[in-house]
Amino acid sequence: MTTRDQALAAAGRILAEARTRRDALSPLEAARLAHEPGGPSIEELAERIRSARQRAARAATRSNRAA
């Protein structure tokens, strides 16, 4: 039987792999995959993705300077 810790570790690996795959996509590719009819346009989603990635990069830079 799988322990709770083993299950959490496995879930963490799956999440990390999914994020790696997602982050390898261009903002436009990611937006196309995320798009749902009736929701934000692909262009709007792509801009949101670009902005989120820029914020994450700035946060990482600040964190690295503090270390």
PDB file of N, CA and C in Angstrom:
ATOM      1  N   MET A   1       0.837  -1.179   0.000  1.00  0.00           N
ATOM      2  CA  MET A   1       0.000   0.000   0.000  1.00  0.00           C
ATOM      3  C   MET A   1       0.889   1.252   0.000  1.00  0.00           C
ATOM      4  N   THR A   2       0.464   2.273  -0.716  1.00  0.00           N
ATOM      5  CA  THR A   2       1.190   3.531  -0.815  1.00  0.00           C
ATOM      6  C   THR A   2       0.936   4.372   0.427  1.00  0.00           C
ATOM      7  N   THR A   3       2.019   4.911   0.980  1.00  0.00           N
ATOM      8  CA  THR A   3       1.859   5.785   2.135  1.00  0.00           C
ATOM      9  C   THR A   3       1.472   7.185   1.669  1.00  0.00           C
ATOM     10  N   ARG A   4       1.015   7.985   2.602  1.00  0.00           N
ATOM     11  CA  ARG A   4       0.642   9.366   2.297  1.00  0.00           C
ATOM     12  C   ARG A   4       1.852  10.117   1.742  1.00  0.00           C
ATOM     13  N   ASP A   5       3.003   9.948   2.368  1.00  0.00           N
ATOM     14  CA  ASP A   5       4.211  10.635   1.908  1.00  0.00           C
ATOM     15  C   ASP A   5       4.594  10.213   0.490  1.00  0.00           C
ATOM     16  N   GLN A   6       4.453   8.935   0.195  1.00  0.00           N
ATOM     17  CA  GLN A   6       4.754   8.463  -1.154  1.00  0.00           C
ATOM     18  C   GLN A   6       3.779   9.057  -2.179  1.00  0.00           C
ATOM     19  N   ALA A   7       2.516   9.108  -1.803  1.00  0.00           N
ATOM     20  CA  ALA A   7       1.506   9.670  -2.705  1.00  0.00           C
ATOM     21  C   ALA A   7       1.765  11.154  -2.953  1.00  0.00           C
ATOM     22  N   LEU A   8       2.121  11.883  -1.902  1.00  0.00           N
ATOM     23  CA  LEU A   8       2.426  13.304  -2.063  1.00  0.00           C
ATOM     24  C   LEU A   8       3.663  13.517  -2.928  1.00  0.00           C
ATOM     25  N   ALA A   9       4.671  12.682  -2.737  1.00  0.00           N
ATOM     26  CA  ALA A   9       5.885  12.795  -3.546  1.00  0.00           C
ATOM     27  C   ALA A   9       5.575  12.511  -5.014  1.00  0.00           C
ATOM     28  N   ALA A  10       4.759  11.496  -5.270  1.00  0.00           N
ATOM     29  CA  ALA A  10       4.381  11.167  -6.648  1.00  0.00           C
ATOM     30  C   ALA A  10       3.582  12.309  -7.269  1.00  0.00           C
ATOM     31  N   ALA A  11       2.658  12.874  -6.511  1.00  0.00           N
ATOM     32  CA  ALA A  11       1.862  14.004  -7.017  1.00  0.00           C
ATOM     33  C   ALA A  11       2.769  15.195  -7.312  1.00  0.00           C
ATOM     34  N   GLY A  12       3.739  15.428  -6.461  1.00  0.00           N
ATOM     35  CA  GLY A  12       4.685  16.519  -6.676  1.00  0.00           C
ATOM     36  C   GLY A  12       5.478  16.333  -7.954  1.00  0.00           C
ATOM     37  N   ARG A  13       5.903  15.108  -8.228  1.00  0.00           N
ATOM     38  CA  ARG A  13       6.649  14.833  -9.465  1.00  0.00           C
ATOM     39  C   ARG A  13       5.771  15.066 -10.690  1.00  0.00           C
ATOM     40  N   ILE A  14       4.523  14.628 -10.613  1.00  0.00           N
ATOM     41  CA  ILE A  14       3.593  14.819 -11.728  1.00  0.00           C
ATOM     42  C   ILE A  14       3.355  16.303 -11.969  1.00  0.00           C
ATOM     43  N   LEU A  15       3.142  17.055 -10.909  1.00  0.00           N
ATOM     44  CA  LEU A  15       2.925  18.494 -11.041  1.00  0.00           C
ATOM     45  C   LEU A  15       4.150  19.184 -11.628  1.00  0.00           C
ATOM     46  N   ALA A  16       5.319  18.820 -11.160  1.00  0.00           N
ATOM     47  CA  ALA A  16       6.551  19.424 -11.678  1.00  0.00           C
ATOM     48  C   ALA A  16       6.723  19.124 -13.164  1.00  0.00           C
ATOM     49  N   GLU A  17       6.436  17.900 -13.571  1.00  0.00           N
ATOM     50  CA  GLU A  17       6.541  17.539 -14.983  1.00  0.00           C
ATOM     51  C   GLU A  17       5.533  18.321 -15.823  1.00  0.00           C
ATOM     52  N   ALA A  18       4.311  18.448 -15.324  1.00  0.00           N
ATOM     53  CA  ALA A  18       3.280  19.188 -16.060  1.00  0.00           C
ATOM     54  C   ALA A  18       3.662  20.653 -16.198  1.00  0.00           C
ATOM     55  N   ARG A  19       4.207  21.245 -15.143  1.00  0.00           N
ATOM     56  CA  ARG A  19       4.621  22.650 -15.214  1.00  0.00           C
ATOM     57  C   ARG A  19       5.787  22.825 -16.176  1.00  0.00           C
ATOM     58  N   THR A  20       6.701  21.880 -16.202  1.00  0.00           N
ATOM     59  CA  THR A  20       7.828  21.948 -17.131  1.00  0.00           C
ATOM     60  C   THR A  20       7.337  21.911 -18.569  1.00  0.00           C
ATOM     61  N   ARG A  21       6.394  21.012 -18.846  1.00  0.00           N
ATOM     62  CA  ARG A  21       5.836  20.934 -20.200  1.00  0.00           C
ATOM     63  C   ARG A  21       5.096  22.218 -20.561  1.00  0.00           C
ATOM     64  N   ARG A  22       4.281  22.712 -19.619  1.00  0.00           N
ATOM     65  CA  ARG A  22       3.520  23.940 -19.867  1.00  0.00           C
ATOM     66  C   ARG A  22       4.455  25.116 -20.131  1.00  0.00           C
ATOM     67  N   ASP A  23       5.489  25.246 -19.324  1.00  0.00           N
ATOM     68  CA  ASP A  23       6.389  26.387 -19.453  1.00  0.00           C
ATOM     69  C   ASP A  23       7.262  26.312 -20.696  1.00  0.00           C
ATOM     70  N   ALA A  24       7.353  25.146 -21.310  1.00  0.00           N
ATOM     71  CA  ALA A  24       8.118  25.003 -22.551  1.00  0.00           C
ATOM     72  C   ALA A  24       7.332  25.516 -23.754  1.00  0.00           C
ATOM     73  N   LEU A  25       6.025  25.693 -23.587  1.00  0.00           N
ATOM     74  CA  LEU A  25       5.191  26.184 -24.681  1.00  0.00           C
ATOM     75  C   LEU A  25       5.365  27.690 -24.827  1.00  0.00           C
ATOM     76  N   SER A  26       5.209  28.181 -26.028  1.00  0.00           N
ATOM     77  CA  SER A  26       5.172  29.628 -26.224  1.00  0.00           C
ATOM     78  C   SER A  26       3.877  30.143 -25.608  1.00  0.00           C
ATOM     79  N   PRO A  27       3.813  31.434 -25.284  1.00  0.00           N
ATOM     80  CA  PRO A  27       2.559  31.970 -24.741  1.00  0.00           C
ATOM     81  C   PRO A  27       1.373  31.733 -25.681  1.00  0.00           C
ATOM     82  N   LEU A  28       1.610  31.843 -26.983  1.00  0.00           N
ATOM     83  CA  LEU A  28       0.514  31.636 -27.930  1.00  0.00           C
ATOM     84  C   LEU A  28       0.060  30.177 -27.950  1.00  0.00           C
ATOM     85  N   GLU A  29       1.000  29.238 -27.923  1.00  0.00           N
ATOM     86  CA  GLU A  29       0.638  27.816 -27.880  1.00  0.00           C
ATOM     87  C   GLU A  29      -0.133  27.488 -26.599  1.00  0.00           C
ATOM     88  N   ALA A  30       0.350  28.005 -25.477  1.00  0.00           N
ATOM     89  CA  ALA A  30      -0.319  27.760 -24.206  1.00  0.00           C
ATOM     90  C   ALA A  30      -1.731  28.355 -24.215  1.00  0.00           C
ATOM     91  N   ALA A  31      -1.865  29.536 -24.810  1.00  0.00           N
ATOM     92  CA  ALA A  31      -3.178  30.185 -24.885  1.00  0.00           C
ATOM     93  C   ALA A  31      -4.137  29.380 -25.751  1.00  0.00           C
ATOM     94  N   ARG A  32      -3.646  28.857 -26.850  1.00  0.00           N
ATOM     95  CA  ARG A  32      -4.507  28.037 -27.717  1.00  0.00           C
ATOM     96  C   ARG A  32      -5.020  26.810 -26.978  1.00  0.00           C
ATOM     97  N   LEU A  33      -4.161  26.206 -26.181  1.00  0.00           N
ATOM     98  CA  LEU A  33      -4.572  25.020 -25.423  1.00  0.00           C
ATOM     99  C   LEU A  33      -5.522  25.377 -24.284  1.00  0.00           C
ATOM    100  N   ALA A  34      -5.366  26.573 -23.724  1.00  0.00           N
ATOM    101  CA  ALA A  34      -6.194  26.981 -22.591  1.00  0.00           C
ATOM    102  C   ALA A  34      -7.528  27.587 -23.024  1.00  0.00           C
ATOM    103  N   HIS A  35      -7.628  27.979 -24.268  1.00  0.00           N
ATOM    104  CA  HIS A  35      -8.812  28.703 -24.734  1.00  0.00           C
ATOM    105  C   HIS A  35     -10.073  27.850 -24.659  1.00  0.00           C
ATOM    106  N   GLU A  36     -11.139  28.494 -24.180  1.00  0.00           N
ATOM    107  CA  GLU A  36     -12.459  27.871 -24.144  1.00  0.00           C
ATOM    108  C   GLU A  36     -13.438  28.828 -24.807  1.00  0.00           C
ATOM    109  N   PRO A  37     -14.320  28.318 -25.649  1.00  0.00           N
ATOM    110  CA  PRO A  37     -15.315  29.190 -26.279  1.00  0.00           C
ATOM    111  C   PRO A  37     -16.100  29.976 -25.225  1.00  0.00           C
ATOM    112  N   GLY A  38     -16.301  31.243 -25.505  1.00  0.00           N
ATOM    113  CA  GLY A  38     -17.026  32.095 -24.573  1.00  0.00           C
ATOM    114  C   GLY A  38     -16.136  32.743 -23.531  1.00  0.00           C
ATOM    115  N   GLY A  39     -14.891  32.315 -23.445  1.00  0.00           N
ATOM    116  CA  GLY A  39     -13.952  32.892 -22.484  1.00  0.00           C
ATOM    117  C   GLY A  39     -13.103  33.965 -23.137  1.00  0.00           C
ATOM    118  N   PRO A  40     -12.037  34.339 -22.472  1.00  0.00           N
ATOM    119  CA  PRO A  40     -11.136  35.337 -23.048  1.00  0.00           C
ATOM    120  C   PRO A  40     -10.590  34.854 -24.393  1.00  0.00           C
ATOM    121  N   SER A  41     -10.259  35.801 -25.254  1.00  0.00           N
ATOM    122  CA  SER A  41      -9.711  35.450 -26.565  1.00  0.00           C
ATOM    123  C   SER A  41      -8.323  34.816 -26.402  1.00  0.00           C
ATOM    124  N   ILE A  42      -7.891  34.156 -27.445  1.00  0.00           N
ATOM    125  CA  ILE A  42      -6.553  33.558 -27.434  1.00  0.00           C
ATOM    126  C   ILE A  42      -5.505  34.638 -27.229  1.00  0.00           C
ATOM    127  N   GLU A  43      -5.689  35.787 -27.889  1.00  0.00           N
ATOM    128  CA  GLU A  43      -4.725  36.881 -27.760  1.00  0.00           C
ATOM    129  C   GLU A  43      -4.670  37.399 -26.315  1.00  0.00           C
ATOM    130  N   GLU A  44      -5.842  37.513 -25.682  1.00  0.00           N
ATOM    131  CA  GLU A  44      -5.875  37.974 -24.294  1.00  0.00           C
ATOM    132  C   GLU A  44      -5.214  36.963 -23.370  1.00  0.00           C
ATOM    133  N   LEU A  45      -5.493  35.699 -23.593  1.00  0.00           N
ATOM    134  CA  LEU A  45      -4.846  34.663 -22.782  1.00  0.00           C
ATOM    135  C   LEU A  45      -3.336  34.691 -22.962  1.00  0.00           C
ATOM    136  N   ALA A  46      -2.883  34.846 -24.201  1.00  0.00           N
ATOM    137  CA  ALA A  46      -1.441  34.891 -24.461  1.00  0.00           C
ATOM    138  C   ALA A  46      -0.804  36.065 -23.724  1.00  0.00           C
ATOM    139  N   GLU A  47      -1.469  37.209 -23.717  1.00  0.00           N
ATOM    140  CA  GLU A  47      -0.936  38.369 -22.996  1.00  0.00           C
ATOM    141  C   GLU A  47      -0.905  38.110 -21.498  1.00  0.00           C
ATOM    142  N   ARG A  48      -1.925  37.473 -20.966  1.00  0.00           N
ATOM    143  CA  ARG A  48      -1.937  37.131 -19.541  1.00  0.00           C
ATOM    144  C   ARG A  48      -0.779  36.193 -19.205  1.00  0.00           C
ATOM    145  N   ILE A  49      -0.539  35.237 -20.081  1.00  0.00           N
ATOM    146  CA  ILE A  49       0.556  34.281 -19.863  1.00  0.00           C
ATOM    147  C   ILE A  49       1.895  35.001 -19.907  1.00  0.00           C
ATOM    148  N   ARG A  50       2.078  35.883 -20.895  1.00  0.00           N
ATOM    149  CA  ARG A  50       3.326  36.666 -20.976  1.00  0.00           C
ATOM    150  C   ARG A  50       3.534  37.472 -19.691  1.00  0.00           C
ATOM    151  N   SER A  51       2.493  38.141 -19.252  1.00  0.00           N
ATOM    152  CA  SER A  51       2.596  38.963 -18.041  1.00  0.00           C
ATOM    153  C   SER A  51       2.938  38.115 -16.817  1.00  0.00           C
ATOM    154  N   ALA A  52       2.282  36.981 -16.681  1.00  0.00           N
ATOM    155  CA  ALA A  52       2.548  36.096 -15.541  1.00  0.00           C
ATOM    156  C   ALA A  52       3.986  35.600 -15.570  1.00  0.00           C
ATOM    157  N   ARG A  53       4.483  35.268 -16.745  1.00  0.00           N
ATOM    158  CA  ARG A  53       5.864  34.797 -16.859  1.00  0.00           C
ATOM    159  C   ARG A  53       6.851  35.914 -16.544  1.00  0.00           C
ATOM    160  N   GLN A  54       6.537  37.125 -16.957  1.00  0.00           N
ATOM    161  CA  GLN A  54       7.414  38.257 -16.643  1.00  0.00           C
ATOM    162  C   GLN A  54       7.444  38.519 -15.136  1.00  0.00           C
ATOM    163  N   ARG A  55       6.265  38.472 -14.495  1.00  0.00           N
ATOM    164  CA  ARG A  55       6.211  38.661 -13.039  1.00  0.00           C
ATOM    165  C   ARG A  55       7.017  37.574 -12.327  1.00  0.00           C
ATOM    166  N   ALA A  56       6.891  36.340 -12.793  1.00  0.00           N
ATOM    167  CA  ALA A  56       7.623  35.237 -12.167  1.00  0.00           C
ATOM    168  C   ALA A  56       9.129  35.415 -12.351  1.00  0.00           C
ATOM    169  N   ALA A  57       9.535  35.873 -13.518  1.00  0.00           N
ATOM    170  CA  ALA A  57      10.963  36.095 -13.769  1.00  0.00           C
ATOM    171  C   ALA A  57      11.499  37.207 -12.868  1.00  0.00           C
ATOM    172  N   ARG A  58      10.720  38.291 -12.706  1.00  0.00           N
ATOM    173  CA  ARG A  58      11.159  39.382 -11.828  1.00  0.00           C
ATOM    174  C   ARG A  58      11.255  38.900 -10.383  1.00  0.00           C
ATOM    175  N   ALA A  59      10.285  38.107  -9.952  1.00  0.00           N
ATOM    176  CA  ALA A  59      10.303  37.586  -8.583  1.00  0.00           C
ATOM    177  C   ALA A  59      11.514  36.676  -8.373  1.00  0.00           C
ATOM    178  N   ALA A  60      11.831  35.868  -9.361  1.00  0.00           N
ATOM    179  CA  ALA A  60      12.989  34.980  -9.252  1.00  0.00           C
ATOM    180  C   ALA A  60      14.276  35.785  -9.181  1.00  0.00           C
ATOM    181  N   THR A  61      14.346  36.856  -9.956  1.00  0.00           N
ATOM    182  CA  THR A  61      15.529  37.708  -9.932  1.00  0.00           C
ATOM    183  C   THR A  61      15.704  38.345  -8.548  1.00  0.00           C
ATOM    184  N   ARG A  62      14.600  38.865  -7.992  1.00  0.00           N
ATOM    185  CA  ARG A  62      14.668  39.464  -6.651  1.00  0.00           C
ATOM    186  C   ARG A  62      15.092  38.416  -5.613  1.00  0.00           C
ATOM    187  N   SER A  63      14.552  37.214  -5.735  1.00  0.00           N
ATOM    188  CA  SER A  63      14.880  36.156  -4.788  1.00  0.00           C
ATOM    189  C   SER A  63      16.351  35.770  -4.884  1.00  0.00           C
ATOM    190  N   ASN A  64      16.861  35.715  -6.107  1.00  0.00           N
ATOM    191  CA  ASN A  64      18.276  35.368  -6.293  1.00  0.00           C
ATOM    192  C   ASN A  64      19.192  36.449  -5.747  1.00  0.00           C
ATOM    193  N   ARG A  65      18.794  37.704  -5.865  1.00  0.00           N
ATOM    194  CA  ARG A  65      19.615  38.805  -5.317  1.00  0.00           C
ATOM    195  C   ARG A  65      19.659  38.744  -3.796  1.00  0.00           C
ATOM    196  N   ALA A  66      18.545  38.349  -3.193  1.00  0.00           N
ATOM    197  CA  ALA A  66      18.456  38.299  -1.736  1.00  0.00           C
ATOM    198  C   ALA A  66      19.255  37.133  -1.157  1.00  0.00           C
ATOM    199  N   ALA A  67      19.506  36.127  -1.968  1.00  0.00           N
ATOM    200  CA  ALA A  67      20.192  34.922  -1.463  1.00  0.00           C
ATOM    201  C   ALA A  67      21.675  35.122  -1.309  1.00  0.00           C
TER     202      ALA A  67
END
